[in-house]
Amino acid sequence: MAAKNKSRDLTTPDLVLLSLLCERPRHGYEANLELERRQVKDWAGVSRPQVYYSIEKLAQMGMIAPAKSTDPTGGPERNVMSTTPKGRAALADALEREDWTVHRDRPPFGTWMALSWRARPGVFMRQLERRRKFLEAELAREEHTLKAVKEEVGDTYPEAIWMVTLVVQQFKLELKWLKMVEREHRRSPFASRKARVPHPA
């Protein structure tokens, strides 16, 4: 019974879709297009199949329902869905959970940094350069997104602006930190050490 109840918990895709449908009714195809436009994979990791699964699940749970304008011959992708009072209440309840606020990210680059003392000579600086180029590209993309969001929502939805601003500031901070790491690594007596790691045959 516990496993069954667990499967009915609202997942991140469920909550993202509920929030989107709170804005206005949409069908599945339109919802996916809008989430792609908003680059949902960057901040919530929601895929196209997950959206359709969430539509079915939320409909069965009575949290979304066909809108009055739905064409019954349109198929599941074209059935316009809107939130129900139950769905809006469930979304509000989910947003009160403490677990939103007490997680720590485990970025792969942080793990790599912790293990990097075993890398072969020269690899450390090459990886820093790769990370720097990646961050610069992502920063440029997020700054473009921030500009677009400001033009689209203005002061209507400042939460969207705050979210993208946080990402921009995180990228800027890590770029600054990378410069510090590179500078200190060059001065470190360990910069020229020989890692005892055999090359593959």
C-alpha atoms as a PDB file:
ATOM      1  CA  MET A   1       0.000   0.000   0.000  1.00  0.00           C
ATOM      2  CA  ALA A   2       2.839   2.427   0.847  1.00  0.00           C
ATOM      3  CA  ALA A   3       4.429   1.944  -2.570  1.00  0.00           C
ATOM      4  CA  LYS A   4       1.089   2.647  -4.239  1.00  0.00           C
ATOM      5  CA  ASN A   5       0.645   5.872  -2.275  1.00  0.00           C
ATOM      6  CA  LYS A   6       4.181   6.906  -3.100  1.00  0.00           C
ATOM      7  CA  SER A   7       3.465   6.546  -6.829  1.00  0.00           C
ATOM      8  CA  ARG A   8       0.629   9.067  -6.436  1.00  0.00           C
ATOM      9  CA  ASP A   9       2.887  11.743  -4.991  1.00  0.00           C
ATOM     10  CA  LEU A  10       3.256  14.825  -7.148  1.00  0.00           C
ATOM     11  CA  THR A  11       6.580  14.818  -8.981  1.00  0.00           C
ATOM     12  CA  THR A  12       8.455  17.821 -10.355  1.00  0.00           C
ATOM     13  CA  PRO A  13       6.945  17.338 -13.850  1.00  0.00           C
ATOM     14  CA  ASP A  14       3.479  17.196 -12.259  1.00  0.00           C
ATOM     15  CA  LEU A  15       4.052  20.464 -10.405  1.00  0.00           C
ATOM     16  CA  VAL A  16       5.566  22.211 -13.421  1.00  0.00           C
ATOM     17  CA  LEU A  17       2.589  21.217 -15.558  1.00  0.00           C
ATOM     18  CA  LEU A  18       0.093  22.297 -12.892  1.00  0.00           C
ATOM     19  CA  SER A  19       1.793  25.667 -12.649  1.00  0.00           C
ATOM     20  CA  LEU A  20       1.756  26.093 -16.419  1.00  0.00           C
ATOM     21  CA  LEU A  21      -1.940  25.207 -16.644  1.00  0.00           C
ATOM     22  CA  CYS A  22      -2.709  27.663 -13.851  1.00  0.00           C
ATOM     23  CA  GLU A  23      -1.732  30.405 -16.302  1.00  0.00           C
ATOM     24  CA  ARG A  24      -4.308  29.242 -18.850  1.00  0.00           C
ATOM     25  CA  PRO A  25      -5.665  25.991 -20.320  1.00  0.00           C
ATOM     26  CA  ARG A  26      -3.404  24.211 -22.810  1.00  0.00           C
ATOM     27  CA  HIS A  27      -3.252  20.910 -24.624  1.00  0.00           C
ATOM     28  CA  GLY A  28      -0.250  18.616 -24.255  1.00  0.00           C
ATOM     29  CA  TYR A  29       1.500  19.617 -27.455  1.00  0.00           C
ATOM     30  CA  GLU A  30       1.176  23.315 -26.661  1.00  0.00           C
ATOM     31  CA  ALA A  31       2.346  22.740 -23.084  1.00  0.00           C
ATOM     32  CA  ASN A  32       5.462  20.995 -24.342  1.00  0.00           C
ATOM     33  CA  LEU A  33       6.223  23.785 -26.811  1.00  0.00           C
ATOM     34  CA  GLU A  34       5.878  26.400 -24.093  1.00  0.00           C
ATOM     35  CA  LEU A  35       8.080  24.475 -21.644  1.00  0.00           C
ATOM     36  CA  GLU A  36      10.739  24.061 -24.333  1.00  0.00           C
ATOM     37  CA  ARG A  37      10.566  27.786 -25.038  1.00  0.00           C
ATOM     38  CA  ARG A  38      11.092  28.459 -21.345  1.00  0.00           C
ATOM     39  CA  GLN A  39      14.055  26.028 -21.321  1.00  0.00           C
ATOM     40  CA  VAL A  40      12.482  23.920 -18.596  1.00  0.00           C
ATOM     41  CA  LYS A  41      15.212  21.278 -18.951  1.00  0.00           C
ATOM     42  CA  ASP A  42      17.687  23.787 -17.513  1.00  0.00           C
ATOM     43  CA  TRP A  43      15.830  24.339 -14.280  1.00  0.00           C
ATOM     44  CA  ALA A  44      13.517  21.362 -13.781  1.00  0.00           C
ATOM     45  CA  GLY A  45      14.730  18.567 -16.057  1.00  0.00           C
ATOM     46  CA  VAL A  46      11.252  17.825 -17.430  1.00  0.00           C
ATOM     47  CA  SER A  47      11.130  15.865 -20.682  1.00  0.00           C
ATOM     48  CA  ARG A  48       8.394  15.690 -23.327  1.00  0.00           C
ATOM     49  CA  PRO A  49       7.288  12.142 -22.361  1.00  0.00           C
ATOM     50  CA  GLN A  50       7.062  13.177 -18.709  1.00  0.00           C
ATOM     51  CA  VAL A  51       4.623  15.947 -19.607  1.00  0.00           C
ATOM     52  CA  TYR A  52       2.235  13.509 -21.292  1.00  0.00           C
ATOM     53  CA  TYR A  53       2.561  11.075 -18.386  1.00  0.00           C
ATOM     54  CA  SER A  54       1.746  13.917 -15.978  1.00  0.00           C
ATOM     55  CA  ILE A  55      -1.319  14.894 -18.004  1.00  0.00           C
ATOM     56  CA  GLU A  56      -2.723  11.364 -17.684  1.00  0.00           C
ATOM     57  CA  LYS A  57      -1.801  11.073 -14.017  1.00  0.00           C
ATOM     58  CA  LEU A  58      -3.186  14.481 -13.005  1.00  0.00           C
ATOM     59  CA  ALA A  59      -6.393  13.881 -14.933  1.00  0.00           C
ATOM     60  CA  GLN A  60      -6.910  10.551 -13.130  1.00  0.00           C
ATOM     61  CA  MET A  61      -6.300  12.305  -9.811  1.00  0.00           C
ATOM     62  CA  GLY A  62      -8.876  14.996 -10.631  1.00  0.00           C
ATOM     63  CA  MET A  63      -6.295  17.786 -10.565  1.00  0.00           C
ATOM     64  CA  ILE A  64      -6.786  18.779 -14.196  1.00  0.00           C
ATOM     65  CA  ALA A  65      -9.839  18.373 -16.407  1.00  0.00           C
ATOM     66  CA  PRO A  66     -10.793  19.007 -20.031  1.00  0.00           C
ATOM     67  CA  ALA A  67     -11.592  22.636 -20.693  1.00  0.00           C
ATOM     68  CA  LYS A  68     -14.992  23.502 -22.116  1.00  0.00           C
ATOM     69  CA  SER A  69     -13.438  24.224 -25.508  1.00  0.00           C
ATOM     70  CA  THR A  70     -11.911  20.745 -25.837  1.00  0.00           C
ATOM     71  CA  ASP A  71     -12.588  18.927 -29.093  1.00  0.00           C
ATOM     72  CA  PRO A  72     -13.170  15.249 -28.157  1.00  0.00           C
ATOM     73  CA  THR A  73     -11.903  14.159 -31.589  1.00  0.00           C
ATOM     74  CA  GLY A  74      -8.578  15.914 -31.194  1.00  0.00           C
ATOM     75  CA  GLY A  75      -6.771  13.087 -29.417  1.00  0.00           C
ATOM     76  CA  PRO A  76      -4.827  13.310 -26.127  1.00  0.00           C
ATOM     77  CA  GLU A  77      -2.264  15.771 -27.516  1.00  0.00           C
ATOM     78  CA  ARG A  78      -5.034  18.180 -28.525  1.00  0.00           C
ATOM     79  CA  ASN A  79      -7.313  17.878 -25.508  1.00  0.00           C
ATOM     80  CA  VAL A  80      -7.188  21.280 -23.834  1.00  0.00           C
ATOM     81  CA  MET A  81      -6.761  20.808 -20.088  1.00  0.00           C
ATOM     82  CA  SER A  82      -7.205  23.240 -17.217  1.00  0.00           C
ATOM     83  CA  THR A  83      -6.509  22.969 -13.508  1.00  0.00           C
ATOM     84  CA  THR A  84      -9.241  22.138 -11.038  1.00  0.00           C
ATOM     85  CA  PRO A  85      -9.574  23.598  -7.525  1.00  0.00           C
ATOM     86  CA  LYS A  86      -8.126  20.316  -6.240  1.00  0.00           C
ATOM     87  CA  GLY A  87      -5.095  20.689  -8.522  1.00  0.00           C
ATOM     88  CA  ARG A  88      -4.461  24.290  -7.523  1.00  0.00           C
ATOM     89  CA  ALA A  89      -4.722  23.384  -3.841  1.00  0.00           C
ATOM     90  CA  ALA A  90      -2.336  20.440  -4.303  1.00  0.00           C
ATOM     91  CA  LEU A  91       0.200  22.700  -6.025  1.00  0.00           C
ATOM     92  CA  ALA A  92      -0.039  25.251  -3.215  1.00  0.00           C
ATOM     93  CA  ASP A  93       0.365  22.484  -0.618  1.00  0.00           C
ATOM     94  CA  ALA A  94       3.424  21.088  -2.413  1.00  0.00           C
ATOM     95  CA  LEU A  95       5.059  24.503  -2.439  1.00  0.00           C
ATOM     96  CA  GLU A  96       4.891  24.597   1.368  1.00  0.00           C
ATOM     97  CA  ARG A  97       7.135  21.532   1.781  1.00  0.00           C
ATOM     98  CA  GLU A  98      10.382  22.083   3.656  1.00  0.00           C
ATOM     99  CA  ASP A  99      12.413  19.855   1.314  1.00  0.00           C
ATOM    100  CA  TRP A 100      12.481  22.581  -1.355  1.00  0.00           C
ATOM    101  CA  THR A 101      14.785  24.596   0.885  1.00  0.00           C
ATOM    102  CA  VAL A 102      17.187  22.083   2.439  1.00  0.00           C
ATOM    103  CA  HIS A 103      18.932  20.352  -0.487  1.00  0.00           C
ATOM    104  CA  ARG A 104      22.565  20.761  -1.514  1.00  0.00           C
ATOM    105  CA  ASP A 105      23.566  20.368  -5.133  1.00  0.00           C
ATOM    106  CA  ARG A 106      26.247  17.824  -5.983  1.00  0.00           C
ATOM    107  CA  PRO A 107      27.701  19.205  -9.210  1.00  0.00           C
ATOM    108  CA  PRO A 108      29.896  16.748 -11.157  1.00  0.00           C
ATOM    109  CA  PHE A 109      32.638  19.376 -11.436  1.00  0.00           C
ATOM    110  CA  GLY A 110      32.838  19.564  -7.654  1.00  0.00           C
ATOM    111  CA  THR A 111      33.322  15.810  -7.505  1.00  0.00           C
ATOM    112  CA  TRP A 112      35.981  16.027 -10.201  1.00  0.00           C
ATOM    113  CA  MET A 113      37.780  18.766  -8.257  1.00  0.00           C
ATOM    114  CA  ALA A 114      37.874  16.586  -5.142  1.00  0.00           C
ATOM    115  CA  LEU A 115      39.432  13.725  -7.125  1.00  0.00           C
ATOM    116  CA  SER A 116      41.649  15.800  -9.407  1.00  0.00           C
ATOM    117  CA  TRP A 117      44.823  15.290  -7.357  1.00  0.00           C
ATOM    118  CA  ARG A 118      45.062  11.889  -9.078  1.00  0.00           C
ATOM    119  CA  ALA A 119      44.918  13.321 -12.595  1.00  0.00           C
ATOM    120  CA  ARG A 120      47.903  13.115 -14.919  1.00  0.00           C
ATOM    121  CA  PRO A 121      50.169  16.172 -15.307  1.00  0.00           C
ATOM    122  CA  GLY A 122      48.568  18.928 -17.356  1.00  0.00           C
ATOM    123  CA  VAL A 123      45.040  17.555 -17.082  1.00  0.00           C
ATOM    124  CA  PHE A 124      44.047  19.867 -14.234  1.00  0.00           C
ATOM    125  CA  MET A 125      44.574  23.045 -16.256  1.00  0.00           C
ATOM    126  CA  ARG A 126      42.961  21.571 -19.374  1.00  0.00           C
ATOM    127  CA  GLN A 127      39.851  20.706 -17.407  1.00  0.00           C
ATOM    128  CA  LEU A 128      39.711  24.177 -15.866  1.00  0.00           C
ATOM    129  CA  GLU A 129      39.832  25.656 -19.360  1.00  0.00           C
ATOM    130  CA  ARG A 130      37.022  23.368 -20.541  1.00  0.00           C
ATOM    131  CA  ARG A 131      34.926  24.380 -17.548  1.00  0.00           C
ATOM    132  CA  ARG A 132      35.630  28.067 -18.154  1.00  0.00           C
ATOM    133  CA  LYS A 133      34.528  27.857 -21.806  1.00  0.00           C
ATOM    134  CA  PHE A 134      31.378  26.000 -20.818  1.00  0.00           C
ATOM    135  CA  LEU A 135      30.502  28.554 -18.149  1.00  0.00           C
ATOM    136  CA  GLU A 136      31.090  31.490 -20.472  1.00  0.00           C
ATOM    137  CA  ALA A 137      28.796  29.966 -23.106  1.00  0.00           C
ATOM    138  CA  GLU A 138      26.100  29.193 -20.533  1.00  0.00           C
ATOM    139  CA  LEU A 139      26.409  32.654 -19.009  1.00  0.00           C
ATOM    140  CA  ALA A 140      25.868  34.277 -22.408  1.00  0.00           C
ATOM    141  CA  ARG A 141      22.818  32.074 -22.988  1.00  0.00           C
ATOM    142  CA  GLU A 142      21.320  32.833 -19.585  1.00  0.00           C
ATOM    143  CA  GLU A 143      21.894  36.573 -19.984  1.00  0.00           C
ATOM    144  CA  HIS A 144      20.027  36.373 -23.292  1.00  0.00           C
ATOM    145  CA  THR A 145      17.241  34.435 -21.538  1.00  0.00           C
ATOM    146  CA  LEU A 146      17.087  37.022 -18.755  1.00  0.00           C
ATOM    147  CA  LYS A 147      16.667  39.822 -21.272  1.00  0.00           C
ATOM    148  CA  ALA A 148      13.889  37.903 -23.038  1.00  0.00           C
ATOM    149  CA  VAL A 149      12.101  37.120 -19.760  1.00  0.00           C
ATOM    150  CA  LYS A 150      12.215  40.771 -18.685  1.00  0.00           C
ATOM    151  CA  GLU A 151      10.757  41.844 -22.019  1.00  0.00           C
ATOM    152  CA  GLU A 152       8.016  39.208 -21.826  1.00  0.00           C
ATOM    153  CA  VAL A 153       6.807  39.352 -18.229  1.00  0.00           C
ATOM    154  CA  GLY A 154       8.111  42.684 -16.964  1.00  0.00           C
ATOM    155  CA  ASP A 155       6.992  43.057 -13.351  1.00  0.00           C
ATOM    156  CA  THR A 156       4.122  40.574 -13.729  1.00  0.00           C
ATOM    157  CA  TYR A 157       6.129  37.490 -12.748  1.00  0.00           C
ATOM    158  CA  PRO A 158       9.282  38.701 -10.951  1.00  0.00           C
ATOM    159  CA  GLU A 159       9.891  35.130  -9.741  1.00  0.00           C
ATOM    160  CA  ALA A 160      10.998  34.140 -13.255  1.00  0.00           C
ATOM    161  CA  ILE A 161      13.441  37.045 -13.332  1.00  0.00           C
ATOM    162  CA  TRP A 162      14.808  36.185  -9.878  1.00  0.00           C
ATOM    163  CA  MET A 163      15.333  32.555 -10.884  1.00  0.00           C
ATOM    164  CA  VAL A 164      17.320  33.387 -14.020  1.00  0.00           C
ATOM    165  CA  THR A 165      19.232  36.123 -12.179  1.00  0.00           C
ATOM    166  CA  LEU A 166      20.344  33.539  -9.604  1.00  0.00           C
ATOM    167  CA  VAL A 167      21.702  31.281 -12.361  1.00  0.00           C
ATOM    168  CA  VAL A 168      23.541  34.223 -13.958  1.00  0.00           C
ATOM    169  CA  GLN A 169      25.111  35.182 -10.636  1.00  0.00           C
ATOM    170  CA  GLN A 170      26.119  31.571  -9.934  1.00  0.00           C
ATOM    171  CA  PHE A 171      27.908  31.344 -13.287  1.00  0.00           C
ATOM    172  CA  LYS A 172      29.668  34.664 -12.683  1.00  0.00           C
ATOM    173  CA  LEU A 173      30.749  33.572  -9.210  1.00  0.00           C
ATOM    174  CA  GLU A 174      32.121  30.250 -10.461  1.00  0.00           C
ATOM    175  CA  LEU A 175      34.057  32.009 -13.241  1.00  0.00           C
ATOM    176  CA  LYS A 176      35.605  34.282 -10.625  1.00  0.00           C
ATOM    177  CA  TRP A 177      36.393  31.254  -8.453  1.00  0.00           C
ATOM    178  CA  LEU A 178      38.010  29.460 -11.420  1.00  0.00           C
ATOM    179  CA  LYS A 179      40.391  32.383 -11.898  1.00  0.00           C
ATOM    180  CA  MET A 180      41.373  32.132  -8.240  1.00  0.00           C
ATOM    181  CA  VAL A 181      41.904  28.350  -8.515  1.00  0.00           C
ATOM    182  CA  GLU A 182      44.027  28.745 -11.645  1.00  0.00           C
ATOM    183  CA  ARG A 183      46.140  31.466 -10.040  1.00  0.00           C
ATOM    184  CA  GLU A 184      46.719  29.481  -6.845  1.00  0.00           C
ATOM    185  CA  HIS A 185      47.382  26.252  -8.747  1.00  0.00           C
ATOM    186  CA  ARG A 186      50.154  27.903 -10.767  1.00  0.00           C
ATOM    187  CA  ARG A 187      51.811  29.055  -7.537  1.00  0.00           C
ATOM    188  CA  SER A 188      51.322  25.732  -5.781  1.00  0.00           C
ATOM    189  CA  PRO A 189      54.337  23.444  -5.282  1.00  0.00           C
ATOM    190  CA  PHE A 190      52.046  20.621  -6.401  1.00  0.00           C
ATOM    191  CA  ALA A 191      51.433  22.128  -9.847  1.00  0.00           C
ATOM    192  CA  SER A 192      54.417  20.282 -11.317  1.00  0.00           C
ATOM    193  CA  ARG A 193      54.032  17.042  -9.408  1.00  0.00           C
ATOM    194  CA  LYS A 194      54.018  13.811 -11.337  1.00  0.00           C
ATOM    195  CA  ALA A 195      50.831  11.849 -10.862  1.00  0.00           C
ATOM    196  CA  ARG A 196      51.469   8.170 -10.461  1.00  0.00           C
ATOM    197  CA  VAL A 197      48.739   7.138 -12.837  1.00  0.00           C
ATOM    198  CA  PRO A 198      49.627   4.642 -15.556  1.00  0.00           C
ATOM    199  CA  HIS A 199      48.533   5.397 -19.103  1.00  0.00           C
ATOM    200  CA  PRO A 200      46.352   2.762 -20.706  1.00  0.00           C
ATOM    201  CA  ALA A 201      48.232   0.222 -22.790  1.00  0.00           C
END
